[in-house]
């Protein structure tokens, strides 16, 4: 249950109002910096026909791969099929609508959505199928594609530390898409490794101000490694 300072103690309450047909932004890059507990809870909920915006879709049995396994996702907006064989299979069978977007363009579409910028021109994708059906325009000696911003009903993000006001800091590359997604959701839900007292976080180091965060929960993380590579010692 929540208190007046945005903190929730259980996943059922913090995600209780996520409906079918919702659009979700989900932070992470591969399995780095993903809101594991929030995704696990979604996989246990009777919701479907979701549109998910994320760099990729986890792996077959972890992260967003769990929602794909349950066929809860109708549309995936991502930049990378990657290590998820089920993602690829569902896309090729026509069971999943996929909007593959260049990674930098995806990041900028999300950032623009959070900044209230409806669209922008980029040279990325001009002359390729990515530009099909989109407005193009020449500026100087280059051609550009008009890309519309992205926003979501809910942004599910993962941070390192947060406080009761929703101020967040991230740890190294686990930040990835999380800070920009935090600004682009109508309701932003943060799962953090540690909730600290207000005033503990150095204001100069806060990466997501609490004004963007509606709900926060302290989670427990498995932190899987997507591709573990080790060297044999002789």
C-alpha atoms as a PDB file:
ATOM      1  CA  UNK A   1       0.000   0.000   0.000  1.00  0.00           C
ATOM      2  CA  UNK A   2       1.191   3.568  -0.655  1.00  0.00           C
ATOM      3  CA  UNK A   3       1.878   6.294   1.852  1.00  0.00           C
ATOM      4  CA  UNK A   4       1.570  10.016   1.202  1.00  0.00           C
ATOM      5  CA  UNK A   5       5.181  10.138   0.014  1.00  0.00           C
ATOM      6  CA  UNK A   6       4.782   7.927  -3.089  1.00  0.00           C
ATOM      7  CA  UNK A   7       6.282   4.784  -1.527  1.00  0.00           C
ATOM      8  CA  UNK A   8       4.523   1.455  -2.125  1.00  0.00           C
ATOM      9  CA  UNK A   9       5.280  -1.728  -0.231  1.00  0.00           C
ATOM     10  CA  UNK A  10       3.873  -4.321  -2.655  1.00  0.00           C
ATOM     11  CA  UNK A  11       3.790  -4.892  -6.383  1.00  0.00           C
ATOM     12  CA  UNK A  12       0.076  -5.695  -6.502  1.00  0.00           C
ATOM     13  CA  UNK A  13      -0.819  -2.206  -5.304  1.00  0.00           C
ATOM     14  CA  UNK A  14       1.715  -0.274  -7.317  1.00  0.00           C
ATOM     15  CA  UNK A  15       0.519  -1.838 -10.602  1.00  0.00           C
ATOM     16  CA  UNK A  16      -3.145  -2.320  -9.713  1.00  0.00           C
ATOM     17  CA  UNK A  17      -4.473   0.201 -12.246  1.00  0.00           C
ATOM     18  CA  UNK A  18      -2.484  -0.988 -15.297  1.00  0.00           C
ATOM     19  CA  UNK A  19      -5.187  -2.139 -17.740  1.00  0.00           C
ATOM     20  CA  UNK A  20      -5.233  -4.222 -20.895  1.00  0.00           C
ATOM     21  CA  UNK A  21      -4.457  -2.225 -24.055  1.00  0.00           C
ATOM     22  CA  UNK A  22      -2.127   0.079 -22.111  1.00  0.00           C
ATOM     23  CA  UNK A  23       1.066   1.510 -23.589  1.00  0.00           C
ATOM     24  CA  UNK A  24       4.097   0.828 -21.400  1.00  0.00           C
ATOM     25  CA  UNK A  25       7.633   2.123 -21.560  1.00  0.00           C
ATOM     26  CA  UNK A  26      10.017  -0.319 -19.909  1.00  0.00           C
ATOM     27  CA  UNK A  27      13.565   0.704 -19.091  1.00  0.00           C
ATOM     28  CA  UNK A  28      16.649  -1.379 -19.631  1.00  0.00           C
ATOM     29  CA  UNK A  29      19.213  -2.396 -22.221  1.00  0.00           C
ATOM     30  CA  UNK A  30      19.370  -6.136 -22.658  1.00  0.00           C
ATOM     31  CA  UNK A  31      18.968  -7.289 -19.073  1.00  0.00           C
ATOM     32  CA  UNK A  32      20.861  -4.314 -17.636  1.00  0.00           C
ATOM     33  CA  UNK A  33      18.757  -1.873 -15.646  1.00  0.00           C
ATOM     34  CA  UNK A  34      15.395  -3.569 -16.170  1.00  0.00           C
ATOM     35  CA  UNK A  35      12.587  -3.269 -13.569  1.00  0.00           C
ATOM     36  CA  UNK A  36      12.551  -7.014 -12.869  1.00  0.00           C
ATOM     37  CA  UNK A  37       9.965  -7.080 -10.111  1.00  0.00           C
ATOM     38  CA  UNK A  38       7.510  -4.862 -11.962  1.00  0.00           C
ATOM     39  CA  UNK A  39       7.773  -7.038 -15.073  1.00  0.00           C
ATOM     40  CA  UNK A  40       7.305 -10.215 -13.023  1.00  0.00           C
ATOM     41  CA  UNK A  41       4.141  -8.769 -11.521  1.00  0.00           C
ATOM     42  CA  UNK A  42       2.773  -7.783 -14.942  1.00  0.00           C
ATOM     43  CA  UNK A  43       3.336 -11.355 -16.113  1.00  0.00           C
ATOM     44  CA  UNK A  44       1.076 -12.567 -13.299  1.00  0.00           C
ATOM     45  CA  UNK A  45      -1.731 -10.118 -14.121  1.00  0.00           C
ATOM     46  CA  UNK A  46      -4.693 -10.913 -16.438  1.00  0.00           C
ATOM     47  CA  UNK A  47      -3.893  -8.082 -18.823  1.00  0.00           C
ATOM     48  CA  UNK A  48      -3.313  -8.326 -22.565  1.00  0.00           C
ATOM     49  CA  UNK A  49      -2.984  -6.404 -25.844  1.00  0.00           C
ATOM     50  CA  UNK A  50      -0.177  -4.307 -24.392  1.00  0.00           C
ATOM     51  CA  UNK A  51       2.023  -1.991 -26.419  1.00  0.00           C
ATOM     52  CA  UNK A  52       5.553  -2.094 -25.000  1.00  0.00           C
ATOM     53  CA  UNK A  53       8.259   0.434 -25.801  1.00  0.00           C
ATOM     54  CA  UNK A  54      11.700  -0.839 -24.861  1.00  0.00           C
ATOM     55  CA  UNK A  55      15.123  -1.193 -26.424  1.00  0.00           C
ATOM     56  CA  UNK A  56      14.577  -4.945 -26.705  1.00  0.00           C
ATOM     57  CA  UNK A  57      12.404  -7.625 -25.109  1.00  0.00           C
ATOM     58  CA  UNK A  58      14.588  -9.378 -22.565  1.00  0.00           C
ATOM     59  CA  UNK A  59      15.346 -13.052 -23.129  1.00  0.00           C
ATOM     60  CA  UNK A  60      13.058 -16.030 -23.545  1.00  0.00           C
ATOM     61  CA  UNK A  61      12.459 -16.638 -19.851  1.00  0.00           C
ATOM     62  CA  UNK A  62      13.252 -13.320 -18.213  1.00  0.00           C
ATOM     63  CA  UNK A  63      12.310  -9.661 -18.435  1.00  0.00           C
ATOM     64  CA  UNK A  64       9.809  -8.765 -21.130  1.00  0.00           C
ATOM     65  CA  UNK A  65      10.310 -12.264 -22.521  1.00  0.00           C
ATOM     66  CA  UNK A  66       7.868 -13.378 -19.818  1.00  0.00           C
ATOM     67  CA  UNK A  67       5.136 -11.146 -21.251  1.00  0.00           C
ATOM     68  CA  UNK A  68       5.852 -12.439 -24.753  1.00  0.00           C
ATOM     69  CA  UNK A  69       5.609 -16.005 -23.473  1.00  0.00           C
ATOM     70  CA  UNK A  70       2.175 -15.194 -22.038  1.00  0.00           C
ATOM     71  CA  UNK A  71       1.196 -13.448 -25.304  1.00  0.00           C
ATOM     72  CA  UNK A  72       0.354 -10.312 -23.350  1.00  0.00           C
ATOM     73  CA  UNK A  73       2.126  -8.003 -25.793  1.00  0.00           C
ATOM     74  CA  UNK A  74       0.350  -7.054 -29.008  1.00  0.00           C
ATOM     75  CA  UNK A  75       2.816  -4.422 -30.260  1.00  0.00           C
ATOM     76  CA  UNK A  76       6.521  -4.116 -29.536  1.00  0.00           C
ATOM     77  CA  UNK A  77       8.348  -0.873 -30.339  1.00  0.00           C
ATOM     78  CA  UNK A  78      12.044  -1.694 -30.055  1.00  0.00           C
ATOM     79  CA  UNK A  79      15.425  -1.403 -31.720  1.00  0.00           C
ATOM     80  CA  UNK A  80      16.764  -4.916 -31.260  1.00  0.00           C
ATOM     81  CA  UNK A  81      15.426  -8.463 -31.497  1.00  0.00           C
ATOM     82  CA  UNK A  82      18.652  -9.747 -30.011  1.00  0.00           C
ATOM     83  CA  UNK A  83      18.791 -12.727 -27.721  1.00  0.00           C
ATOM     84  CA  UNK A  84      15.057 -13.421 -27.569  1.00  0.00           C
ATOM     85  CA  UNK A  85      14.199 -16.270 -29.930  1.00  0.00           C
ATOM     86  CA  UNK A  86      10.508 -16.091 -29.034  1.00  0.00           C
ATOM     87  CA  UNK A  87      10.439 -12.406 -29.983  1.00  0.00           C
ATOM     88  CA  UNK A  88      11.829 -13.289 -33.409  1.00  0.00           C
ATOM     89  CA  UNK A  89       9.451 -16.233 -33.885  1.00  0.00           C
ATOM     90  CA  UNK A  90       6.334 -14.282 -32.950  1.00  0.00           C
ATOM     91  CA  UNK A  91       7.355 -11.455 -35.254  1.00  0.00           C
ATOM     92  CA  UNK A  92       7.998 -13.770 -38.224  1.00  0.00           C
ATOM     93  CA  UNK A  93       4.725 -15.634 -37.644  1.00  0.00           C
ATOM     94  CA  UNK A  94       2.779 -12.385 -37.599  1.00  0.00           C
ATOM     95  CA  UNK A  95       1.622 -12.927 -34.024  1.00  0.00           C
ATOM     96  CA  UNK A  96       3.345  -9.788 -32.798  1.00  0.00           C
ATOM     97  CA  UNK A  97       3.343  -6.364 -34.401  1.00  0.00           C
ATOM     98  CA  UNK A  98       6.876  -5.000 -34.269  1.00  0.00           C
ATOM     99  CA  UNK A  99       8.049  -1.485 -35.032  1.00  0.00           C
ATOM    100  CA  UNK A 100      11.818  -1.763 -35.306  1.00  0.00           C
ATOM    101  CA  UNK A 101      13.396   1.648 -34.749  1.00  0.00           C
ATOM    102  CA  UNK A 102      17.070   2.629 -34.931  1.00  0.00           C
ATOM    103  CA  UNK A 103      18.404   2.803 -31.395  1.00  0.00           C
ATOM    104  CA  UNK A 104      19.370   6.479 -31.440  1.00  0.00           C
ATOM    105  CA  UNK A 105      16.061   7.396 -33.043  1.00  0.00           C
ATOM    106  CA  UNK A 106      14.187   5.414 -30.389  1.00  0.00           C
ATOM    107  CA  UNK A 107      16.047   7.251 -27.633  1.00  0.00           C
ATOM    108  CA  UNK A 108      15.303  10.629 -29.199  1.00  0.00           C
ATOM    109  CA  UNK A 109      11.624   9.766 -29.777  1.00  0.00           C
ATOM    110  CA  UNK A 110      11.314   9.031 -26.060  1.00  0.00           C
ATOM    111  CA  UNK A 111      13.275  12.122 -25.032  1.00  0.00           C
ATOM    112  CA  UNK A 112      11.119  14.272 -27.303  1.00  0.00           C
ATOM    113  CA  UNK A 113       7.978  12.780 -25.805  1.00  0.00           C
ATOM    114  CA  UNK A 114       9.154  13.730 -22.343  1.00  0.00           C
ATOM    115  CA  UNK A 115      10.119  17.225 -23.470  1.00  0.00           C
ATOM    116  CA  UNK A 116       6.785  17.942 -25.161  1.00  0.00           C
ATOM    117  CA  UNK A 117       8.328  17.982 -28.651  1.00  0.00           C
ATOM    118  CA  UNK A 118       5.843  16.332 -31.045  1.00  0.00           C
ATOM    119  CA  UNK A 119       8.291  15.342 -33.782  1.00  0.00           C
ATOM    120  CA  UNK A 120      11.791  15.907 -35.158  1.00  0.00           C
ATOM    121  CA  UNK A 121      13.794  15.352 -38.343  1.00  0.00           C
ATOM    122  CA  UNK A 122      16.684  12.871 -38.452  1.00  0.00           C
ATOM    123  CA  UNK A 123      18.843  11.606 -41.331  1.00  0.00           C
ATOM    124  CA  UNK A 124      18.787   8.095 -39.869  1.00  0.00           C
ATOM    125  CA  UNK A 125      16.748   5.710 -41.988  1.00  0.00           C
ATOM    126  CA  UNK A 126      16.368   7.875 -45.080  1.00  0.00           C
ATOM    127  CA  UNK A 127      16.221   5.722 -48.198  1.00  0.00           C
ATOM    128  CA  UNK A 128      15.391   2.589 -46.207  1.00  0.00           C
ATOM    129  CA  UNK A 129      12.105   0.864 -45.300  1.00  0.00           C
ATOM    130  CA  UNK A 130      12.197   2.800 -42.017  1.00  0.00           C
ATOM    131  CA  UNK A 131      11.246   5.938 -43.945  1.00  0.00           C
ATOM    132  CA  UNK A 132       8.275   4.333 -45.713  1.00  0.00           C
ATOM    133  CA  UNK A 133       5.134   6.432 -45.302  1.00  0.00           C
ATOM    134  CA  UNK A 134       6.940   9.179 -43.381  1.00  0.00           C
ATOM    135  CA  UNK A 135       7.503  12.757 -44.411  1.00  0.00           C
ATOM    136  CA  UNK A 136      11.008  13.488 -45.692  1.00  0.00           C
ATOM    137  CA  UNK A 137      12.615  16.845 -46.278  1.00  0.00           C
ATOM    138  CA  UNK A 138      15.915  18.191 -47.526  1.00  0.00           C
ATOM    139  CA  UNK A 139      17.981  20.506 -45.330  1.00  0.00           C
ATOM    140  CA  UNK A 140      21.169  21.671 -46.985  1.00  0.00           C
ATOM    141  CA  UNK A 141      22.646  18.728 -48.857  1.00  0.00           C
ATOM    142  CA  UNK A 142      21.022  16.014 -46.730  1.00  0.00           C
ATOM    143  CA  UNK A 143      17.615  14.378 -46.581  1.00  0.00           C
ATOM    144  CA  UNK A 144      15.840  13.800 -43.310  1.00  0.00           C
ATOM    145  CA  UNK A 145      12.952  11.694 -42.027  1.00  0.00           C
ATOM    146  CA  UNK A 146      10.232  13.088 -39.759  1.00  0.00           C
ATOM    147  CA  UNK A 147       9.887  10.940 -36.650  1.00  0.00           C
ATOM    148  CA  UNK A 148       7.067  11.399 -34.156  1.00  0.00           C
ATOM    149  CA  UNK A 149       7.705  11.444 -30.412  1.00  0.00           C
ATOM    150  CA  UNK A 150       6.722   8.598 -28.106  1.00  0.00           C
ATOM    151  CA  UNK A 151       4.896   8.719 -24.796  1.00  0.00           C
ATOM    152  CA  UNK A 152       3.200   6.073 -22.665  1.00  0.00           C
ATOM    153  CA  UNK A 153       0.414   5.501 -20.197  1.00  0.00           C
ATOM    154  CA  UNK A 154       2.949   4.047 -17.763  1.00  0.00           C
ATOM    155  CA  UNK A 155       6.747   4.225 -17.620  1.00  0.00           C
ATOM    156  CA  UNK A 156       8.292   1.367 -15.642  1.00  0.00           C
ATOM    157  CA  UNK A 157      11.865   2.167 -14.738  1.00  0.00           C
ATOM    158  CA  UNK A 158      14.680   0.865 -12.569  1.00  0.00           C
ATOM    159  CA  UNK A 159      17.030   3.034 -10.519  1.00  0.00           C
ATOM    160  CA  UNK A 160      19.816   2.509  -8.010  1.00  0.00           C
ATOM    161  CA  UNK A 161      18.565   4.732  -5.185  1.00  0.00           C
ATOM    162  CA  UNK A 162      15.445   6.799  -4.629  1.00  0.00           C
ATOM    163  CA  UNK A 163      13.828   8.763  -1.832  1.00  0.00           C
ATOM    164  CA  UNK A 164      10.246   9.261  -0.687  1.00  0.00           C
ATOM    165  CA  UNK A 165       9.866  12.277  -2.988  1.00  0.00           C
ATOM    166  CA  UNK A 166      10.762  10.137  -6.005  1.00  0.00           C
ATOM    167  CA  UNK A 167      14.197  11.610  -6.662  1.00  0.00           C
ATOM    168  CA  UNK A 168      16.345   8.991  -8.389  1.00  0.00           C
ATOM    169  CA  UNK A 169      19.954   8.192  -9.128  1.00  0.00           C
ATOM    170  CA  UNK A 170      21.181   5.428 -11.438  1.00  0.00           C
ATOM    171  CA  UNK A 171      24.318   3.327 -11.375  1.00  0.00           C
ATOM    172  CA  UNK A 172      26.571   3.548 -14.405  1.00  0.00           C
ATOM    173  CA  UNK A 173      25.251   1.839 -17.562  1.00  0.00           C
ATOM    174  CA  UNK A 174      22.128   0.651 -15.748  1.00  0.00           C
ATOM    175  CA  UNK A 175      20.804   4.160 -16.427  1.00  0.00           C
ATOM    176  CA  UNK A 176      20.457   3.534 -20.193  1.00  0.00           C
ATOM    177  CA  UNK A 177      16.860   4.343 -21.283  1.00  0.00           C
ATOM    178  CA  UNK A 178      15.495   4.807 -17.764  1.00  0.00           C
ATOM    179  CA  UNK A 179      16.001   8.579 -17.213  1.00  0.00           C
ATOM    180  CA  UNK A 180      14.357   9.610 -20.473  1.00  0.00           C
ATOM    181  CA  UNK A 181      11.477   7.149 -20.044  1.00  0.00           C
ATOM    182  CA  UNK A 182      10.830   8.576 -16.587  1.00  0.00           C
ATOM    183  CA  UNK A 183       9.876  11.874 -18.234  1.00  0.00           C
ATOM    184  CA  UNK A 184       7.673  10.372 -20.949  1.00  0.00           C
ATOM    185  CA  UNK A 185       5.117   8.389 -18.968  1.00  0.00           C
ATOM    186  CA  UNK A 186       1.797   9.773 -17.778  1.00  0.00           C
ATOM    187  CA  UNK A 187       2.418   7.687 -14.656  1.00  0.00           C
ATOM    188  CA  UNK A 188       6.027   6.802 -13.861  1.00  0.00           C
ATOM    189  CA  UNK A 189       6.688   3.875 -11.543  1.00  0.00           C
ATOM    190  CA  UNK A 190      10.228   3.392 -10.257  1.00  0.00           C
ATOM    191  CA  UNK A 191      11.675   0.199  -8.821  1.00  0.00           C
ATOM    192  CA  UNK A 192      14.854   0.883  -6.862  1.00  0.00           C
ATOM    193  CA  UNK A 193      17.522  -1.074  -5.048  1.00  0.00           C
ATOM    194  CA  UNK A 194      17.382   1.176  -2.012  1.00  0.00           C
ATOM    195  CA  UNK A 195      15.029   3.824  -0.669  1.00  0.00           C
ATOM    196  CA  UNK A 196      16.914   6.429   1.345  1.00  0.00           C
ATOM    197  CA  UNK A 197      15.682   9.290   3.550  1.00  0.00           C
ATOM    198  CA  UNK A 198      14.853  12.583   1.872  1.00  0.00           C
ATOM    199  CA  UNK A 199      17.952  14.769   1.888  1.00  0.00           C
ATOM    200  CA  UNK A 200      20.363  11.849   1.622  1.00  0.00           C
ATOM    201  CA  UNK A 201      20.862  12.151  -2.131  1.00  0.00           C
ATOM    202  CA  UNK A 202      23.241  14.883  -3.266  1.00  0.00           C
ATOM    203  CA  UNK A 203      21.078  17.329  -5.258  1.00  0.00           C
ATOM    204  CA  UNK A 204      23.867  17.681  -7.811  1.00  0.00           C
ATOM    205  CA  UNK A 205      23.780  13.924  -8.459  1.00  0.00           C
ATOM    206  CA  UNK A 206      20.021  13.428  -8.810  1.00  0.00           C
ATOM    207  CA  UNK A 207      19.407  12.287 -12.378  1.00  0.00           C
ATOM    208  CA  UNK A 208      15.607  12.094 -12.309  1.00  0.00           C
ATOM    209  CA  UNK A 209      13.864  14.724 -10.169  1.00  0.00           C
ATOM    210  CA  UNK A 210      10.938  13.470  -8.134  1.00  0.00           C
ATOM    211  CA  UNK A 211       8.472  15.641 -10.045  1.00  0.00           C
ATOM    212  CA  UNK A 212       8.573  12.994 -12.795  1.00  0.00           C
ATOM    213  CA  UNK A 213       8.014  10.006 -10.496  1.00  0.00           C
ATOM    214  CA  UNK A 214       4.548   9.082  -9.248  1.00  0.00           C
ATOM    215  CA  UNK A 215       5.272   5.822  -7.407  1.00  0.00           C
ATOM    216  CA  UNK A 216       8.332   4.082  -6.013  1.00  0.00           C
ATOM    217  CA  UNK A 217       9.014   0.634  -4.586  1.00  0.00           C
ATOM    218  CA  UNK A 218      12.113  -1.072  -3.222  1.00  0.00           C
ATOM    219  CA  UNK A 219      12.694  -4.269  -5.144  1.00  0.00           C
ATOM    220  CA  UNK A 220      14.865  -7.358  -4.981  1.00  0.00           C
ATOM    221  CA  UNK A 221      16.873  -7.995  -8.130  1.00  0.00           C
ATOM    222  CA  UNK A 222      18.349 -11.117  -9.653  1.00  0.00           C
ATOM    223  CA  UNK A 223      20.451  -9.117 -12.120  1.00  0.00           C
ATOM    224  CA  UNK A 224      21.027 -11.842 -14.672  1.00  0.00           C
ATOM    225  CA  UNK A 225      23.875 -11.536 -17.148  1.00  0.00           C
ATOM    226  CA  UNK A 226      22.613 -11.818 -20.719  1.00  0.00           C
ATOM    227  CA  UNK A 227      25.766 -13.338 -22.159  1.00  0.00           C
ATOM    228  CA  UNK A 228      28.237 -14.625 -19.591  1.00  0.00           C
ATOM    229  CA  UNK A 229      31.711 -14.982 -21.100  1.00  0.00           C
ATOM    230  CA  UNK A 230      34.527 -16.404 -19.028  1.00  0.00           C
ATOM    231  CA  UNK A 231      38.074 -17.440 -19.786  1.00  0.00           C
ATOM    232  CA  UNK A 232      39.303 -20.875 -18.809  1.00  0.00           C
ATOM    233  CA  UNK A 233      42.291 -20.771 -16.507  1.00  0.00           C
ATOM    234  CA  UNK A 234      44.952 -23.325 -17.391  1.00  0.00           C
END
